[in-house]
């Protein structure tokens, strides 16, 4: 495993239950879109959220 990665924690569940577009705003496609200009191309990104975690390459 490549241990050189960036990470993000996406709050869901109890703390975000009143957010009207939670599912759409925290979908993998939405996360990739919002991270594109914040993470260098080709970097591995670990996205921690409940109930699942994602490990993507931008």
Protein backbone atom coordinates (compact mmCIF):
# COMPACT_ATOMS: atom_id res chain seq x y z
CA UNK A 1 0.00 0.00 0.00
CA UNK A 2 1.16 3.51 -0.81
CA UNK A 3 1.18 5.41 2.50
CA UNK A 4 1.58 8.78 0.77
CA UNK A 5 -1.99 10.08 0.59
CA UNK A 6 -4.24 12.99 1.49
CA UNK A 7 -7.28 12.49 3.68
CA UNK A 8 -10.66 14.09 4.24
CA UNK A 9 -13.34 13.43 6.86
CA UNK A 10 -16.91 13.87 5.65
CA UNK A 11 -19.44 14.27 8.47
CA UNK A 12 -22.68 12.37 7.96
CA UNK A 13 -25.20 10.78 10.27
CA UNK A 14 -26.17 12.48 13.53
CA UNK A 15 -24.23 15.73 13.06
CA UNK A 16 -25.47 16.34 9.51
CA UNK A 17 -29.02 15.00 9.70
CA UNK A 18 -30.60 18.41 9.02
CA UNK A 19 -28.69 19.01 5.80
CA UNK A 20 -31.28 18.91 2.97
CA UNK A 21 -29.00 17.60 0.18
CA UNK A 22 -26.78 15.33 2.28
CA UNK A 23 -26.83 12.31 -0.05
CA UNK A 24 -26.11 14.36 -3.18
CA UNK A 25 -23.53 16.62 -1.49
CA UNK A 26 -21.56 13.68 -0.09
CA UNK A 27 -21.79 11.28 -3.03
CA UNK A 28 -18.47 10.05 -4.46
CA UNK A 29 -19.01 12.15 -7.60
CA UNK A 30 -19.71 15.31 -5.56
CA UNK A 31 -16.67 14.70 -3.36
CA UNK A 32 -14.42 14.21 -6.39
CA UNK A 33 -15.79 17.38 -7.94
CA UNK A 34 -15.18 19.46 -4.83
CA UNK A 35 -11.69 18.05 -4.24
CA UNK A 36 -10.41 18.48 -7.82
CA UNK A 37 -8.99 21.96 -7.20
CA UNK A 38 -7.74 21.17 -3.68
CA UNK A 39 -5.75 17.97 -4.29
CA UNK A 40 -3.04 17.51 -6.90
CA UNK A 41 -3.84 15.28 -9.89
CA UNK A 42 -2.77 11.67 -9.35
CA UNK A 43 -2.76 11.88 -5.54
CA UNK A 44 -4.39 9.12 -3.50
CA UNK A 45 -7.18 10.40 -1.26
CA UNK A 46 -8.65 8.58 1.73
CA UNK A 47 -12.19 9.77 2.44
CA UNK A 48 -13.46 8.85 5.89
CA UNK A 49 -17.20 9.00 6.40
CA UNK A 50 -19.83 6.88 8.00
CA UNK A 51 -21.01 4.32 7.19
CA UNK A 52 -18.29 3.64 4.59
CA UNK A 53 -14.80 4.83 3.73
CA UNK A 54 -13.42 5.46 0.25
CA UNK A 55 -9.88 5.35 -1.10
CA UNK A 56 -9.69 7.10 -4.47
CA UNK A 57 -7.04 8.39 -6.83
CA UNK A 58 -7.72 11.83 -8.27
